[in-house]
Protein backbone atom coordinates (compact mmCIF):
# COMPACT_ATOMS: atom_id res chain seq x y z
CA MET A 1 106.64 -27.52 -5.93
CA ALA A 2 104.19 -24.61 -5.65
CA GLN A 3 105.68 -21.16 -5.98
CA THR A 4 104.79 -18.41 -3.51
CA PRO A 5 102.66 -15.75 -5.22
CA THR A 6 104.17 -12.29 -5.61
CA THR A 7 101.10 -10.79 -3.92
CA PHE A 8 98.06 -12.05 -2.06
CA GLU A 9 94.57 -10.72 -2.78
CA VAL A 10 92.86 -10.22 0.57
CA ASP A 11 89.27 -9.82 1.75
CA GLY A 12 88.98 -6.58 3.70
CA THR A 13 85.72 -7.63 5.34
CA ALA A 14 87.34 -10.82 6.63
CA ILE A 15 90.27 -8.83 8.03
CA CYS A 16 87.93 -6.38 9.77
CA THR A 17 85.72 -9.16 11.17
CA LYS A 18 88.71 -11.09 12.48
CA ARG A 19 90.21 -7.92 14.03
CA MET A 20 86.97 -7.03 15.78
CA SER A 21 86.51 -10.62 16.99
CA ALA A 22 89.98 -10.41 18.49
CA GLY A 23 88.95 -7.19 20.29
CA MET A 24 91.63 -5.09 18.61
CA GLU A 25 91.49 -1.53 17.40
CA VAL A 26 92.94 -0.69 13.98
CA GLN A 27 96.08 0.86 15.49
CA GLN A 28 96.67 -2.15 17.76
CA LEU A 29 96.54 -4.60 14.87
CA ALA A 30 98.64 -2.35 12.64
CA ASP A 31 101.33 -2.14 15.32
CA LYS A 32 101.25 -5.89 15.88
CA ALA A 33 101.47 -6.64 12.13
CA GLY A 34 104.14 -4.02 11.43
CA ILE A 35 102.00 -1.99 9.03
CA THR A 36 100.49 1.48 9.19
CA ALA A 37 96.97 2.05 10.46
CA SER A 38 96.26 3.89 7.20
CA TYR A 39 97.23 0.84 5.13
CA LEU A 40 95.12 -1.43 7.34
CA ARG A 41 92.10 0.86 6.97
CA LYS A 42 92.53 0.79 3.18
CA LEU A 43 92.67 -3.00 3.25
CA GLU A 44 89.54 -3.23 5.39
CA ARG A 45 87.65 -0.77 3.14
CA GLY A 46 88.74 -2.58 -0.01
CA SER A 47 90.58 0.35 -1.58
CA ARG A 48 93.74 -1.80 -1.31
CA THR A 49 93.37 -5.50 -1.99
CA ARG A 50 96.88 -6.85 -2.50
CA MET A 51 99.63 -7.58 0.00
CA LYS A 52 103.20 -8.78 -0.33
CA PRO A 53 103.78 -12.26 1.10
CA ALA A 54 105.85 -11.13 4.11
CA THR A 55 103.25 -8.53 5.07
CA TYR A 56 100.44 -11.05 4.66
CA VAL A 57 102.25 -13.53 6.91
CA ARG A 58 102.69 -10.85 9.62
CA LEU A 59 99.01 -9.86 9.41
CA ARG A 60 97.92 -13.50 9.61
CA ALA A 61 100.16 -14.08 12.62
CA ALA A 62 98.84 -10.97 14.38
CA LEU A 63 95.27 -12.18 13.86
CA ARG A 64 96.07 -15.87 14.44
CA ALA A 65 94.43 -16.60 11.09
CA ASN A 66 94.98 -19.67 8.95
CA LYS A 67 96.57 -19.48 5.50
CA THR A 68 93.35 -18.77 3.61
CA GLU A 69 90.76 -17.13 5.86
CA LEU A 70 91.89 -13.58 5.02
CA LEU A 71 92.12 -14.18 1.27
CA ALA A 72 89.57 -12.88 -1.20
CA PRO A 73 87.30 -15.60 -2.54
CA PRO A 74 88.49 -17.00 -5.86
CA THR A 75 86.85 -15.58 -8.93
CA ASP A 76 85.70 -17.77 -11.77
CA PRO A 77 87.70 -17.24 -14.95
CA PRO A 78 85.68 -15.89 -17.89
CA GLU A 79 84.11 -18.56 -20.05
CA ARG A 80 85.78 -19.32 -23.34
CA LYS A 81 83.61 -19.43 -26.43
């Protein structure tokens, strides 16, 4: 059984795009997701990239996003020599 990660790495641009598509201001989404507007702005700008699972679930629910559309794209692991 897959274990829930301790944090989720999110894509700030995807969060911002989804928020704007939903017609919400930063404060509206922050209130709906139970986070501060300051934290949301940091996520959207990319100065914060990780979220705890419960917070991520609330943000997803507020944006009606699926499980992966707000996540940062996976990075390729460095090649082994």
